[in-house]
Amino acid sequence: MASNWDDLERWMEGQQLPRGFEVLREPDWVEKFVRRMMTKALPDVAGHMTGTKAAQTSESKLYIGVKFKLPSGSDKNLLRLRVKEDVLRIDGLPGGGHEVVKLPKLVKPRICQATVRDGTLHVKLRKRPISRTYHEHSIYWP
């Protein structure tokens, strides 16, 4: 990533920009501008790009593991865990907040084990198996 910004910086130095466009020669400004535009256009995706990195995912052959450091003041009675095939959502965080974790592979949402140890939520999810069978379909010839 850094080399791409270096290439951009070298290219921008050689450009003859009109007055007022000098700011485009600063790669940090360009990166911040792109990040703001992504946040406005796709807030869910931008949250994963710039996210707090509070959730860590790991993957084995059959399972996906998620570790989420719970913020101080989390109430165990309010905490809720919701799982879809591609996303894990933790509701009931302090301040009425929630955290959405995009999963690296599809999972079976009904098969889940969740525990809290030392202030960290550990979630174990079963991967959805890949179908190895072929399905034959007819072809229409007009």
N, C-alpha and C. Protein backbone atom coordinates (compact mmCIF):
# COMPACT_ATOMS: atom_id res chain seq x y z
N MET A 1 0.82 -1.19 0.00
CA MET A 1 0.00 0.00 0.00
C MET A 1 0.86 1.25 0.00
N ALA A 2 1.95 1.24 0.79
CA ALA A 2 2.80 2.41 0.87
C ALA A 2 3.45 2.71 -0.47
N SER A 3 3.84 1.68 -1.22
CA SER A 3 4.48 1.91 -2.51
C SER A 3 3.51 2.55 -3.50
N ASN A 4 2.23 2.20 -3.43
CA ASN A 4 1.24 2.83 -4.29
C ASN A 4 1.13 4.31 -3.99
N TRP A 5 1.15 4.68 -2.72
CA TRP A 5 1.09 6.10 -2.35
C TRP A 5 2.36 6.81 -2.79
N ASP A 6 3.51 6.13 -2.70
CA ASP A 6 4.76 6.73 -3.17
C ASP A 6 4.71 6.98 -4.67
N ASP A 7 4.17 6.02 -5.40
CA ASP A 7 4.02 6.19 -6.86
C ASP A 7 3.09 7.36 -7.17
N LEU A 8 2.00 7.44 -6.44
CA LEU A 8 1.06 8.55 -6.63
C LEU A 8 1.72 9.88 -6.33
N GLU A 9 2.50 9.92 -5.26
CA GLU A 9 3.17 11.16 -4.88
C GLU A 9 4.16 11.59 -5.97
N ARG A 10 4.95 10.65 -6.50
CA ARG A 10 5.91 10.98 -7.56
C ARG A 10 5.18 11.46 -8.81
N TRP A 11 4.06 10.82 -9.14
CA TRP A 11 3.30 11.23 -10.32
C TRP A 11 2.72 12.63 -10.15
N MET A 12 2.21 12.91 -8.95
CA MET A 12 1.60 14.22 -8.68
C MET A 12 2.64 15.34 -8.73
N GLU A 13 3.89 15.04 -8.32
CA GLU A 13 4.93 16.07 -8.37
C GLU A 13 5.19 16.52 -9.79
N GLY A 14 5.05 15.63 -10.76
CA GLY A 14 5.31 15.97 -12.15
C GLY A 14 4.16 16.65 -12.86
N GLN A 15 3.00 16.72 -12.23
CA GLN A 15 1.82 17.32 -12.87
C GLN A 15 1.82 18.83 -12.71
N GLN A 16 1.36 19.52 -13.72
CA GLN A 16 1.21 20.97 -13.67
C GLN A 16 -0.24 21.27 -13.30
N LEU A 17 -0.49 21.43 -12.00
CA LEU A 17 -1.86 21.63 -11.51
C LEU A 17 -2.18 23.12 -11.47
N PRO A 18 -3.44 23.49 -11.75
CA PRO A 18 -3.83 24.89 -11.62
C PRO A 18 -3.75 25.34 -10.16
N ARG A 19 -3.77 26.65 -9.96
CA ARG A 19 -3.70 27.21 -8.61
C ARG A 19 -4.87 26.71 -7.77
N GLY A 20 -4.60 26.37 -6.52
CA GLY A 20 -5.62 25.88 -5.63
C GLY A 20 -5.67 24.36 -5.54
N PHE A 21 -4.99 23.68 -6.45
CA PHE A 21 -5.00 22.22 -6.45
C PHE A 21 -3.71 21.64 -5.86
N GLU A 22 -2.90 22.47 -5.22
CA GLU A 22 -1.65 21.99 -4.63
C GLU A 22 -1.90 20.94 -3.56
N VAL A 23 -3.05 20.99 -2.91
CA VAL A 23 -3.36 20.06 -1.83
C VAL A 23 -3.41 18.61 -2.35
N LEU A 24 -3.70 18.44 -3.65
CA LEU A 24 -3.76 17.10 -4.21
C LEU A 24 -2.40 16.42 -4.26
N ARG A 25 -1.34 17.18 -4.07
CA ARG A 25 0.00 16.59 -4.05
C ARG A 25 0.34 15.95 -2.72
N GLU A 26 -0.51 16.15 -1.71
CA GLU A 26 -0.27 15.57 -0.39
C GLU A 26 -1.03 14.24 -0.28
N PRO A 27 -0.31 13.11 -0.27
CA PRO A 27 -0.99 11.81 -0.23
C PRO A 27 -1.83 11.61 1.02
N ASP A 28 -1.43 12.19 2.15
CA ASP A 28 -2.23 12.04 3.38
C ASP A 28 -3.60 12.67 3.19
N TRP A 29 -3.65 13.84 2.54
CA TRP A 29 -4.92 14.51 2.32
C TRP A 29 -5.79 13.67 1.39
N VAL A 30 -5.18 13.09 0.34
CA VAL A 30 -5.94 12.27 -0.60
C VAL A 30 -6.51 11.04 0.10
N GLU A 31 -5.70 10.40 0.96
CA GLU A 31 -6.17 9.22 1.69
C GLU A 31 -7.33 9.57 2.60
N LYS A 32 -7.24 10.68 3.32
CA LYS A 32 -8.34 11.11 4.20
C LYS A 32 -9.59 11.43 3.40
N PHE A 33 -9.41 12.06 2.23
CA PHE A 33 -10.54 12.40 1.38
C PHE A 33 -11.27 11.14 0.91
N VAL A 34 -10.52 10.16 0.44
CA VAL A 34 -11.12 8.90 -0.03
C VAL A 34 -11.83 8.20 1.12
N ARG A 35 -11.23 8.19 2.30
CA ARG A 35 -11.84 7.54 3.47
C ARG A 35 -13.16 8.22 3.84
N ARG A 36 -13.19 9.57 3.80
CA ARG A 36 -14.44 10.30 4.10
C ARG A 36 -15.52 9.99 3.07
N MET A 37 -15.13 9.92 1.79
CA MET A 37 -16.11 9.62 0.74
C MET A 37 -16.67 8.21 0.91
N MET A 38 -15.82 7.24 1.26
CA MET A 38 -16.28 5.88 1.49
C MET A 38 -17.22 5.83 2.69
N THR A 39 -16.91 6.58 3.73
CA THR A 39 -17.75 6.59 4.93
C THR A 39 -19.14 7.14 4.60
N LYS A 40 -19.20 8.17 3.78
CA LYS A 40 -20.49 8.75 3.41
C LYS A 40 -21.27 7.82 2.47
N ALA A 41 -20.58 7.22 1.51
CA ALA A 41 -21.27 6.40 0.51
C ALA A 41 -21.69 5.04 1.05
N LEU A 42 -20.79 4.38 1.79
CA LEU A 42 -21.06 3.03 2.29
C LEU A 42 -20.69 2.96 3.77
N PRO A 43 -21.54 3.44 4.67
CA PRO A 43 -21.17 3.48 6.08
C PRO A 43 -20.85 2.13 6.69
N ASP A 44 -21.55 1.06 6.28
CA ASP A 44 -21.27 -0.26 6.85
C ASP A 44 -19.90 -0.77 6.44
N VAL A 45 -19.56 -0.61 5.17
CA VAL A 45 -18.26 -1.06 4.67
C VAL A 45 -17.15 -0.21 5.26
N ALA A 46 -17.37 1.09 5.33
CA ALA A 46 -16.35 1.98 5.87
C ALA A 46 -16.08 1.67 7.33
N GLY A 47 -17.10 1.23 8.05
CA GLY A 47 -16.89 0.85 9.44
C GLY A 47 -15.93 -0.31 9.56
N HIS A 48 -15.97 -1.22 8.58
CA HIS A 48 -15.02 -2.33 8.61
C HIS A 48 -13.64 -1.89 8.17
N MET A 49 -13.57 -0.91 7.27
CA MET A 49 -12.27 -0.41 6.82
C MET A 49 -11.56 0.35 7.93
N THR A 50 -12.31 1.22 8.59
CA THR A 50 -11.71 2.08 9.60
C THR A 50 -12.03 1.61 11.00
N GLY A 51 -12.61 0.41 11.11
CA GLY A 51 -13.16 -0.08 12.38
C GLY A 51 -12.20 -0.05 13.55
N THR A 52 -12.75 -0.31 14.71
CA THR A 52 -11.98 -0.23 15.94
C THR A 52 -11.02 -1.40 16.08
N LYS A 53 -11.15 -2.40 15.23
CA LYS A 53 -10.32 -3.60 15.30
C LYS A 53 -10.52 -4.29 16.65
N ALA A 54 -11.69 -4.09 17.27
CA ALA A 54 -11.97 -4.70 18.56
C ALA A 54 -12.24 -6.19 18.40
N ALA A 55 -12.71 -6.60 17.23
CA ALA A 55 -13.03 -8.01 17.01
C ALA A 55 -11.92 -8.66 16.18
N GLN A 56 -11.52 -9.85 16.60
CA GLN A 56 -10.52 -10.61 15.87
C GLN A 56 -11.16 -11.92 15.44
N THR A 57 -10.97 -12.30 14.19
CA THR A 57 -11.52 -13.56 13.72
C THR A 57 -10.38 -14.54 13.44
N SER A 58 -10.67 -15.80 13.68
CA SER A 58 -9.73 -16.87 13.35
C SER A 58 -10.52 -17.95 12.63
N GLU A 59 -9.81 -18.79 11.91
CA GLU A 59 -10.50 -19.77 11.08
C GLU A 59 -9.77 -21.11 11.14
N SER A 60 -10.53 -22.17 11.31
CA SER A 60 -9.99 -23.53 11.20
C SER A 60 -10.75 -24.23 10.08
N LYS A 61 -10.53 -25.52 9.96
CA LYS A 61 -11.17 -26.25 8.87
C LYS A 61 -12.69 -26.26 8.99
N LEU A 62 -13.20 -26.39 10.21
CA LEU A 62 -14.65 -26.51 10.42
C LEU A 62 -15.30 -25.30 11.10
N TYR A 63 -14.50 -24.47 11.77
CA TYR A 63 -15.08 -23.41 12.61
C TYR A 63 -14.47 -22.04 12.31
N ILE A 64 -15.23 -21.02 12.67
CA ILE A 64 -14.75 -19.65 12.69
C ILE A 64 -14.86 -19.16 14.12
N GLY A 65 -13.79 -18.58 14.62
CA GLY A 65 -13.78 -18.04 15.97
C GLY A 65 -13.73 -16.53 15.93
N VAL A 66 -14.46 -15.90 16.84
CA VAL A 66 -14.46 -14.44 16.95
C VAL A 66 -14.18 -14.09 18.40
N LYS A 67 -13.22 -13.19 18.61
CA LYS A 67 -12.93 -12.67 19.95
C LYS A 67 -13.23 -11.18 19.92
N PHE A 68 -14.06 -10.75 20.87
CA PHE A 68 -14.44 -9.35 20.96
C PHE A 68 -14.22 -8.86 22.38
N LYS A 69 -13.34 -7.89 22.54
CA LYS A 69 -13.06 -7.30 23.86
C LYS A 69 -14.24 -6.42 24.25
N LEU A 70 -14.95 -6.82 25.30
CA LEU A 70 -16.12 -6.06 25.75
C LEU A 70 -15.67 -4.76 26.42
N PRO A 71 -16.34 -3.65 26.13
CA PRO A 71 -15.99 -2.39 26.78
C PRO A 71 -16.33 -2.44 28.27
N SER A 72 -15.62 -1.67 29.05
CA SER A 72 -15.92 -1.64 30.49
C SER A 72 -17.33 -1.09 30.68
N GLY A 73 -18.03 -1.63 31.63
CA GLY A 73 -19.41 -1.22 31.90
C GLY A 73 -20.43 -2.02 31.11
N SER A 74 -20.01 -3.09 30.45
CA SER A 74 -20.96 -3.93 29.72
C SER A 74 -21.83 -4.69 30.71
N ASP A 75 -23.12 -4.68 30.47
CA ASP A 75 -24.09 -5.36 31.34
C ASP A 75 -24.45 -6.71 30.71
N LYS A 76 -24.22 -7.79 31.44
CA LYS A 76 -24.49 -9.12 30.89
C LYS A 76 -25.97 -9.35 30.61
N ASN A 77 -26.85 -8.61 31.28
CA ASN A 77 -28.28 -8.77 31.05
C ASN A 77 -28.73 -8.10 29.76
N LEU A 78 -27.98 -7.11 29.29
CA LEU A 78 -28.36 -6.40 28.07
C LEU A 78 -27.66 -6.95 26.83
N LEU A 79 -26.59 -7.67 27.01
CA LEU A 79 -25.78 -8.16 25.90
C LEU A 79 -26.54 -9.22 25.09
N ARG A 80 -26.60 -9.03 23.78
CA ARG A 80 -27.28 -9.96 22.88
C ARG A 80 -26.36 -10.26 21.70
N LEU A 81 -26.39 -11.51 21.27
CA LEU A 81 -25.58 -11.95 20.14
C LEU A 81 -26.52 -12.43 19.05
N ARG A 82 -26.36 -11.86 17.85
CA ARG A 82 -27.19 -12.26 16.70
C ARG A 82 -26.27 -12.68 15.57
N VAL A 83 -26.60 -13.77 14.92
CA VAL A 83 -25.75 -14.32 13.88
C VAL A 83 -26.56 -14.52 12.61
N LYS A 84 -26.01 -14.02 11.49
CA LYS A 84 -26.51 -14.34 10.16
C LYS A 84 -25.43 -15.16 9.48
N GLU A 85 -25.68 -15.60 8.27
CA GLU A 85 -24.71 -16.45 7.58
C GLU A 85 -23.37 -15.76 7.36
N ASP A 86 -23.37 -14.44 7.22
CA ASP A 86 -22.15 -13.74 6.89
C ASP A 86 -21.75 -12.66 7.91
N VAL A 87 -22.59 -12.44 8.92
CA VAL A 87 -22.37 -11.33 9.86
C VAL A 87 -22.71 -11.75 11.28
N LEU A 88 -21.94 -11.24 12.22
CA LEU A 88 -22.22 -11.42 13.64
C LEU A 88 -22.49 -10.03 14.22
N ARG A 89 -23.54 -9.88 15.00
CA ARG A 89 -23.89 -8.58 15.57
C ARG A 89 -23.98 -8.72 17.08
N ILE A 90 -23.30 -7.81 17.79
CA ILE A 90 -23.31 -7.79 19.25
C ILE A 90 -24.08 -6.54 19.67
N ASP A 91 -25.24 -6.75 20.29
CA ASP A 91 -26.09 -5.64 20.75
C ASP A 91 -25.96 -5.49 22.26
N GLY A 92 -26.42 -4.34 22.76
CA GLY A 92 -26.46 -4.10 24.20
C GLY A 92 -25.15 -3.61 24.77
N LEU A 93 -24.31 -3.03 23.96
CA LEU A 93 -23.06 -2.47 24.46
C LEU A 93 -23.35 -1.15 25.18
N PRO A 94 -22.45 -0.69 26.03
CA PRO A 94 -22.69 0.55 26.77
C PRO A 94 -23.03 1.71 25.84
N GLY A 95 -23.97 2.52 26.27
CA GLY A 95 -24.41 3.66 25.46
C GLY A 95 -25.40 3.26 24.38
N GLY A 96 -25.96 2.06 24.49
CA GLY A 96 -26.92 1.60 23.49
C GLY A 96 -26.26 1.23 22.17
N GLY A 97 -24.97 0.99 22.18
CA GLY A 97 -24.25 0.70 20.95
C GLY A 97 -24.31 -0.75 20.54
N HIS A 98 -23.77 -1.01 19.36
CA HIS A 98 -23.67 -2.36 18.84
C HIS A 98 -22.40 -2.45 17.99
N GLU A 99 -21.98 -3.67 17.74
CA GLU A 99 -20.81 -3.92 16.90
C GLU A 99 -21.19 -4.97 15.87
N VAL A 100 -20.82 -4.73 14.62
CA VAL A 100 -21.09 -5.67 13.54
C VAL A 100 -19.75 -6.21 13.06
N VAL A 101 -19.64 -7.53 13.01
CA VAL A 101 -18.40 -8.19 12.58
C VAL A 101 -18.70 -8.99 11.32
N LYS A 102 -18.05 -8.64 10.22
CA LYS A 102 -18.21 -9.38 8.97
C LYS A 102 -17.37 -10.65 9.07
N LEU A 103 -18.00 -11.77 8.79
CA LEU A 103 -17.33 -13.06 8.90
C LEU A 103 -16.61 -13.40 7.59
N PRO A 104 -15.45 -14.05 7.68
CA PRO A 104 -14.68 -14.35 6.46
C PRO A 104 -15.31 -15.42 5.58
N LYS A 105 -16.12 -16.31 6.15
CA LYS A 105 -16.80 -17.36 5.39
C LYS A 105 -18.23 -17.47 5.89
N LEU A 106 -19.08 -18.13 5.11
CA LEU A 106 -20.46 -18.34 5.52
C LEU A 106 -20.50 -19.38 6.63
N VAL A 107 -21.43 -19.17 7.59
CA VAL A 107 -21.56 -20.08 8.73
C VAL A 107 -23.00 -20.56 8.83
N LYS A 108 -23.20 -21.58 9.68
CA LYS A 108 -24.55 -22.03 10.03
C LYS A 108 -24.98 -21.19 11.23
N PRO A 109 -25.91 -20.26 11.06
CA PRO A 109 -26.24 -19.33 12.14
C PRO A 109 -26.83 -19.98 13.38
N ARG A 110 -27.41 -21.16 13.26
CA ARG A 110 -28.03 -21.81 14.42
C ARG A 110 -27.04 -22.56 15.29
N ILE A 111 -25.84 -22.81 14.78
CA ILE A 111 -24.83 -23.54 15.55
C ILE A 111 -23.79 -22.54 16.04
N CYS A 112 -23.82 -22.27 17.35
CA CYS A 112 -22.96 -21.24 17.91
C CYS A 112 -22.71 -21.53 19.39
N GLN A 113 -21.47 -21.30 19.82
CA GLN A 113 -21.12 -21.36 21.23
C GLN A 113 -20.50 -20.02 21.60
N ALA A 114 -20.99 -19.38 22.66
CA ALA A 114 -20.47 -18.08 23.07
C ALA A 114 -20.21 -18.09 24.58
N THR A 115 -19.04 -17.62 24.96
CA THR A 115 -18.68 -17.50 26.38
C THR A 115 -17.93 -16.19 26.58
N VAL A 116 -17.95 -15.71 27.84
CA VAL A 116 -17.19 -14.53 28.20
C VAL A 116 -16.14 -14.95 29.21
N ARG A 117 -14.87 -14.67 28.87
CA ARG A 117 -13.75 -14.96 29.77
C ARG A 117 -12.86 -13.73 29.83
N ASP A 118 -12.57 -13.28 31.04
CA ASP A 118 -11.69 -12.13 31.27
C ASP A 118 -12.10 -10.91 30.45
N GLY A 119 -13.40 -10.65 30.38
CA GLY A 119 -13.89 -9.46 29.68
C GLY A 119 -13.86 -9.57 28.16
N THR A 120 -13.63 -10.76 27.63
CA THR A 120 -13.61 -10.97 26.18
C THR A 120 -14.68 -11.98 25.80
N LEU A 121 -15.48 -11.62 24.82
CA LEU A 121 -16.51 -12.52 24.30
C LEU A 121 -15.87 -13.43 23.27
N HIS A 122 -15.98 -14.74 23.47
CA HIS A 122 -15.45 -15.76 22.56
C HIS A 122 -16.63 -16.44 21.88
N VAL A 123 -16.67 -16.39 20.56
CA VAL A 123 -17.77 -16.99 19.81
C VAL A 123 -17.18 -18.03 18.86
N LYS A 124 -17.78 -19.21 18.86
CA LYS A 124 -17.35 -20.29 17.97
C LYS A 124 -18.52 -20.63 17.06
N LEU A 125 -18.31 -20.50 15.75
CA LEU A 125 -19.35 -20.71 14.76
C LEU A 125 -18.96 -21.83 13.81
N ARG A 126 -19.92 -22.65 13.43
CA ARG A 126 -19.67 -23.75 12.50
C ARG A 126 -19.76 -23.23 11.07
N LYS A 127 -18.75 -23.52 10.26
CA LYS A 127 -18.77 -23.11 8.86
C LYS A 127 -19.86 -23.86 8.11
N ARG A 128 -20.41 -23.21 7.12
CA ARG A 128 -21.39 -23.86 6.25
C ARG A 128 -20.61 -24.67 5.24
N PRO A 129 -20.92 -25.96 5.12
CA PRO A 129 -20.15 -26.80 4.18
C PRO A 129 -20.42 -26.40 2.74
N ILE A 130 -19.42 -26.60 1.92
CA ILE A 130 -19.54 -26.32 0.50
C ILE A 130 -20.12 -27.55 -0.17
N SER A 131 -21.12 -27.35 -0.98
CA SER A 131 -21.74 -28.47 -1.69
C SER A 131 -20.80 -28.92 -2.80
N ARG A 132 -20.46 -30.20 -2.79
CA ARG A 132 -19.54 -30.75 -3.78
C ARG A 132 -20.28 -31.47 -4.92
N THR A 133 -21.60 -31.50 -4.86
CA THR A 133 -22.35 -32.21 -5.88
C THR A 133 -22.73 -31.29 -7.02
N TYR A 134 -22.77 -31.86 -8.21
CA TYR A 134 -23.22 -31.14 -9.39
C TYR A 134 -24.72 -31.32 -9.53
N HIS A 135 -25.40 -30.30 -9.98
CA HIS A 135 -26.82 -30.37 -10.26
C HIS A 135 -26.99 -30.17 -11.76
N GLU A 136 -27.61 -31.15 -12.38
CA GLU A 136 -27.80 -31.06 -13.83
C GLU A 136 -29.06 -30.27 -14.13
N HIS A 137 -28.95 -29.39 -15.15
CA HIS A 137 -30.08 -28.56 -15.56
C HIS A 137 -30.28 -28.71 -17.07
N SER A 138 -31.54 -28.56 -17.47
CA SER A 138 -31.84 -28.66 -18.91
C SER A 138 -31.44 -27.36 -19.61
N ILE A 139 -31.16 -27.49 -20.89
CA ILE A 139 -30.77 -26.34 -21.71
C ILE A 139 -31.84 -26.15 -22.77
N TYR A 140 -32.32 -24.96 -22.88
CA TYR A 140 -33.35 -24.65 -23.87
C TYR A 140 -32.69 -24.26 -25.19
N TRP A 141 -33.06 -24.92 -26.28
CA TRP A 141 -32.55 -24.60 -27.61
C TRP A 141 -33.73 -24.08 -28.44
N PRO A 142 -33.75 -22.82 -28.77
CA PRO A 142 -34.89 -22.29 -29.57
C PRO A 142 -34.85 -22.74 -31.03
